[in-house]
Protein backbone atom coordinates (compact mmCIF):
# COMPACT_ATOMS: atom_id res chain seq x y z
CA MET A 1 -21.54 0.14 3.14
CA LEU A 2 -19.96 -1.70 -0.02
CA ILE A 3 -15.92 -0.91 -0.47
CA LEU A 4 -14.18 -2.02 -3.58
CA ALA A 5 -10.45 -1.75 -3.18
CA LEU A 6 -7.58 -2.13 -5.68
CA ASP A 7 -3.87 -2.69 -5.25
CA CYS A 8 -1.16 -2.97 -7.44
CA ALA A 9 1.41 -0.76 -5.91
CA THR A 10 4.19 -3.09 -5.39
CA GLN A 11 4.91 -6.95 -6.69
CA ALA A 12 1.48 -8.11 -6.71
CA CYS A 13 -2.00 -7.28 -7.95
CA SER A 14 -5.34 -7.61 -5.99
CA VAL A 15 -9.05 -6.35 -5.68
CA ALA A 16 -11.63 -6.87 -3.08
CA VAL A 17 -14.97 -6.07 -2.34
CA MET A 18 -15.93 -5.88 1.48
CA ALA A 19 -19.25 -4.99 3.11
CA GLY A 20 -19.83 -4.69 6.70
CA GLY A 21 -16.27 -5.64 7.67
CA ARG A 22 -16.50 -9.15 5.45
CA VAL A 23 -14.63 -9.76 2.53
CA LYS A 24 -17.62 -10.73 -0.19
CA ALA A 25 -14.87 -11.48 -2.82
CA HIS A 26 -11.17 -11.17 -3.74
CA CYS A 27 -8.45 -11.71 -5.95
CA TYR A 28 -4.68 -11.39 -5.47
CA GLU A 29 -1.78 -12.41 -7.50
CA GLU A 30 1.92 -11.87 -6.99
CA MET A 31 3.81 -10.59 -10.28
CA ALA A 32 6.61 -8.17 -11.17
CA ARG A 33 4.91 -6.47 -14.03
CA GLY A 34 1.75 -6.32 -16.00
CA HIS A 35 -0.03 -4.72 -13.40
CA GLY A 36 -1.72 -2.41 -16.03
CA GLU A 37 -3.13 -5.30 -18.17
CA ARG A 38 -4.25 -7.32 -15.32
CA LEU A 39 -6.12 -4.80 -12.74
CA LEU A 40 -9.50 -4.01 -14.85
CA PRO A 41 -10.22 -7.44 -15.66
CA MET A 42 -9.59 -8.70 -12.36
CA THR A 43 -11.80 -5.96 -10.97
CA SER A 44 -14.36 -7.32 -13.39
CA GLU A 45 -13.96 -10.76 -12.05
CA VAL A 46 -13.99 -9.73 -8.50
CA LEU A 47 -17.52 -7.81 -9.32
CA ALA A 48 -19.11 -10.93 -11.08
CA ALA A 49 -18.23 -13.12 -8.02
CA ALA A 50 -19.74 -10.79 -5.56
CA GLY A 51 -22.91 -10.55 -8.20
CA LEU A 52 -22.54 -6.87 -7.95
CA ASP A 53 -21.90 -4.07 -10.63
CA PHE A 54 -20.20 -0.89 -10.15
CA ALA A 55 -23.51 1.02 -9.42
CA ALA A 56 -23.80 -0.91 -6.09
CA ILE A 57 -20.30 0.22 -4.79
CA ASP A 58 -20.76 2.83 -2.01
CA ALA A 59 -16.95 4.02 -2.06
CA PHE A 60 -13.56 3.05 -3.52
CA ALA A 61 -10.24 2.39 -1.91
CA VAL A 62 -6.55 2.40 -3.36
CA THR A 63 -3.13 1.74 -2.12
CA ILE A 64 -1.46 5.13 -2.76
CA GLY A 65 2.09 4.03 -2.06
CA PRO A 66 4.64 4.15 -1.44
CA GLY A 67 5.79 1.26 -4.06
CA THR A 68 6.73 0.99 -7.51
CA TYR A 69 5.98 4.40 -9.45
CA THR A 70 4.47 2.43 -12.36
CA GLY A 71 2.31 0.63 -10.31
CA VAL A 72 1.03 3.23 -7.92
CA ARG A 73 0.17 5.49 -10.98
CA ILE A 74 -1.85 2.75 -12.52
CA GLY A 75 -4.03 2.05 -9.30
CA LEU A 76 -4.70 5.54 -8.44
CA ALA A 77 -5.70 6.37 -12.13
CA THR A 78 -7.94 3.51 -12.33
CA ALA A 79 -9.51 4.03 -8.87
CA ARG A 80 -9.72 7.68 -9.60
CA GLY A 81 -11.70 6.87 -13.14
CA LEU A 82 -13.94 4.26 -11.40
CA ALA A 83 -14.96 6.51 -8.53
CA LEU A 84 -15.92 9.50 -11.05
CA ALA A 85 -17.76 7.18 -13.44
CA ALA A 86 -19.80 5.93 -10.50
CA GLY A 87 -20.21 9.28 -8.67
CA ARG A 88 -18.74 7.44 -5.29
CA PRO A 89 -15.88 8.72 -3.14
CA LEU A 90 -12.16 7.31 -3.30
CA VAL A 91 -10.19 6.62 0.14
CA GLY A 92 -6.55 6.24 -0.30
CA VAL A 93 -4.63 3.74 2.08
CA THR A 94 -0.90 3.59 2.39
CA THR A 95 0.80 0.04 1.42
CA LEU A 96 2.52 0.09 4.84
CA ALA A 97 -0.98 0.22 6.64
CA ALA A 98 -2.09 -2.32 4.53
CA VAL A 99 0.62 -4.68 5.61
CA ALA A 100 0.35 -3.64 8.95
CA ARG A 101 -3.28 -4.90 8.88
CA ALA A 102 -2.60 -8.03 7.31
CA ALA A 103 0.13 -8.90 9.80
CA VAL A 104 -0.82 -11.74 12.43
CA PHE A 105 -0.39 -9.46 15.67
CA PRO A 106 -2.16 -9.61 18.49
CA PRO A 107 -3.25 -6.01 19.66
CA ALA A 108 -1.99 -6.67 23.32
CA ASP A 109 1.62 -7.86 22.35
CA PRO A 110 3.85 -5.55 23.90
CA ALA A 111 6.15 -5.15 20.85
CA ILE A 112 6.19 -2.63 18.30
CA LEU A 113 5.17 -3.62 14.96
CA VAL A 114 7.33 -2.51 12.15
CA VAL A 115 6.40 -2.85 8.34
CA ALA A 116 9.47 -2.91 6.27
CA LEU A 117 8.66 -3.09 2.27
CA GLU A 118 11.74 -3.40 -0.19
CA THR A 119 12.47 -0.71 -2.60
CA LYS A 120 14.82 -2.25 -5.17
CA ARG A 121 17.41 -0.31 -3.80
CA ALA A 122 19.60 -0.60 -0.31
CA ASP A 123 16.97 1.29 1.64
CA PHE A 124 13.51 0.40 3.29
CA TYR A 125 10.29 1.78 3.29
CA LEU A 126 9.58 1.90 6.82
CA GLN A 127 6.67 2.63 9.53
CA CYS A 128 6.21 1.89 13.09
CA PHE A 129 2.65 1.06 14.33
CA ARG A 130 1.14 0.11 17.79
CA GLY A 131 -0.76 -3.03 18.38
CA ASP A 132 -3.79 -1.44 17.62
CA LEU A 133 -2.68 -0.05 14.42
CA THR A 134 -2.08 3.32 15.43
CA PRO A 135 0.99 4.91 13.61
CA LEU A 136 3.84 5.54 15.44
CA SER A 137 5.94 7.32 12.97
CA PRO A 138 5.36 8.67 9.30
CA PRO A 139 6.43 6.30 6.09
CA SER A 140 10.02 7.07 5.57
CA SER A 141 12.60 5.65 3.19
CA THR A 142 15.43 4.35 5.37
CA PRO A 143 18.92 3.18 4.72
CA PRO A 144 20.17 0.20 6.61
CA ASP A 145 22.84 2.26 8.52
CA GLU A 146 20.11 4.44 9.79
CA VAL A 147 17.31 1.88 10.63
CA ALA A 148 18.62 1.09 14.40
CA ALA A 149 18.10 4.94 15.19
CA ILE A 150 15.26 5.48 14.05
CA LEU A 151 13.48 2.31 15.62
CA PRO A 152 11.65 2.68 19.18
CA PRO A 153 13.53 0.67 21.63
CA GLY A 154 11.99 -2.68 22.93
CA PRO A 155 10.94 -5.68 21.14
CA LEU A 156 10.31 -5.49 17.65
CA ALA A 157 7.63 -7.47 15.28
CA ILE A 158 8.13 -7.01 11.95
CA ALA A 159 6.15 -7.63 8.60
CA GLY A 160 6.55 -7.12 4.97
CA ASP A 161 8.99 -8.61 2.51
CA GLY A 162 11.67 -6.17 3.73
CA GLY A 163 11.62 -7.99 7.05
CA PRO A 164 14.37 -10.71 6.91
CA ARG A 165 16.85 -7.92 5.87
CA LEU A 166 15.91 -5.89 8.14
CA SER A 167 16.34 -8.05 11.01
CA ASP A 168 19.86 -8.77 9.63
CA CYS A 169 20.34 -4.74 10.37
CA LEU A 170 19.80 -5.03 13.90
CA ASP A 171 21.82 -5.95 16.86
CA ALA A 172 21.67 -9.97 17.17
CA THR A 173 20.61 -9.64 21.02
CA ARG A 174 17.47 -7.45 20.12
CA PRO A 175 13.96 -9.58 20.41
CA VAL A 176 12.67 -9.48 16.99
CA THR A 177 9.94 -11.51 15.44
CA LEU A 178 9.18 -11.74 11.77
CA LEU A 179 5.50 -12.02 11.44
CA PRO A 180 3.74 -14.31 8.69
CA GLY A 181 0.53 -12.80 7.17
CA ALA A 182 1.62 -10.51 4.11
CA ASP A 183 4.91 -9.52 2.48
CA TYR A 184 3.17 -7.34 0.09
CA PRO A 185 -0.29 -5.09 0.32
CA ASP A 186 -3.24 -6.82 -0.25
CA ALA A 187 -6.74 -5.03 -1.58
CA ARG A 188 -8.64 -7.13 1.16
CA HIS A 189 -6.82 -5.39 3.88
CA ALA A 190 -6.74 -2.04 2.06
CA ALA A 191 -10.52 -2.34 2.23
CA ALA A 192 -10.60 -2.72 6.07
CA ALA A 193 -8.34 0.08 6.39
CA ALA A 194 -10.53 2.20 4.19
CA SER A 195 -13.50 1.14 6.01
CA ARG A 196 -12.01 2.17 9.78
CA ASP A 197 -11.19 5.15 8.18
CA ILE A 198 -14.66 6.05 6.44
CA ALA A 199 -16.33 5.19 9.81
CA ALA A 200 -14.15 7.73 11.70
CA ALA A 201 -14.64 10.44 8.91
CA PRO A 202 -17.08 9.93 6.12
CA PRO A 203 -15.76 11.04 2.65
CA THR A 204 -17.60 12.96 0.00
CA VAL A 205 -17.50 12.57 -3.46
CA ALA A 206 -16.82 16.48 -3.88
CA ALA A 207 -13.21 15.77 -1.48
CA ARG A 208 -10.15 15.95 -3.04
CA PRO A 209 -9.23 12.60 -4.65
CA PRO A 210 -6.04 10.83 -2.84
CA GLY A 211 -2.48 11.27 -4.45
CA ALA A 212 0.45 9.22 -4.74
CA LEU A 213 3.07 8.83 -1.67
CA TYR A 214 6.59 9.04 -2.75
CA LEU A 215 9.17 9.31 -0.53
CA ARG A 216 12.00 9.35 -3.09
CA PRO A 217 12.63 10.18 -6.72
CA PRO A 218 12.14 7.57 -8.91
CA ASP A 219 14.81 5.32 -10.45
CA VAL A 220 15.24 7.11 -13.71
CA THR A 221 18.23 8.02 -15.86
CA LEU A 222 17.92 11.29 -17.77
CA PRO A 223 19.28 11.56 -20.95
CA PRO A 224 22.29 13.95 -21.39
CA PRO A 225 21.31 17.73 -22.73
CA ARG A 226 21.55 18.04 -26.14
CA PRO A 227 24.22 20.57 -27.46
CA ALA A 228 22.81 23.90 -28.41
CA ARG A 229 22.71 24.42 -32.14
CA ALA A 230 24.50 27.26 -33.57
CA PRO A 231 21.94 30.13 -34.90
CA VAL A 232 21.22 29.78 -38.37
CA PRO A 233 22.70 32.86 -40.51
């Protein structure tokens, strides 16, 4: 099965084509802004590198968050449009699951895998996984003073760009390993996660498309209400 995956939910933009569990073409760029301008050209570049067109794609995948509100919306809108035009199913993958799959973490390691992503606020986007990447907790938005209470006991292996700051919030005597592999989600790992989900439960074109995963309100300051106008006599 050919899967085309997109990600622009955090501080990077990436596209990948995967077939039979192997990446055929891939592009990844870290960027703070400009995802909307880069995502479609990057998609065309990856398809060209793989020698494919949209008609060859069997399923699409996209990261659904948590992440930046603009990035999540851009990725979802683009993936939905491509899937609809191609008449192919679309699979959603969380950014936390994508980073977990990227982490260099042996499945037999007894530590709990924790993915921590920065939110541009004091809190973290967090989720815990077993070594086989089975989730142990739902995705959460967690402030630093609540981190220790929600994490399971025992040694921890931490992935994601929030890892260094998260480790500073924990007891210094607790065994903690910061994992290499990925600070941000990557489309090739989103494709791998989608491939696993598709194998477990094949999606259909008629299925409801995935929605955004928002864990807290956006960082938006609303304008003050306008004063009521006096009625015109």
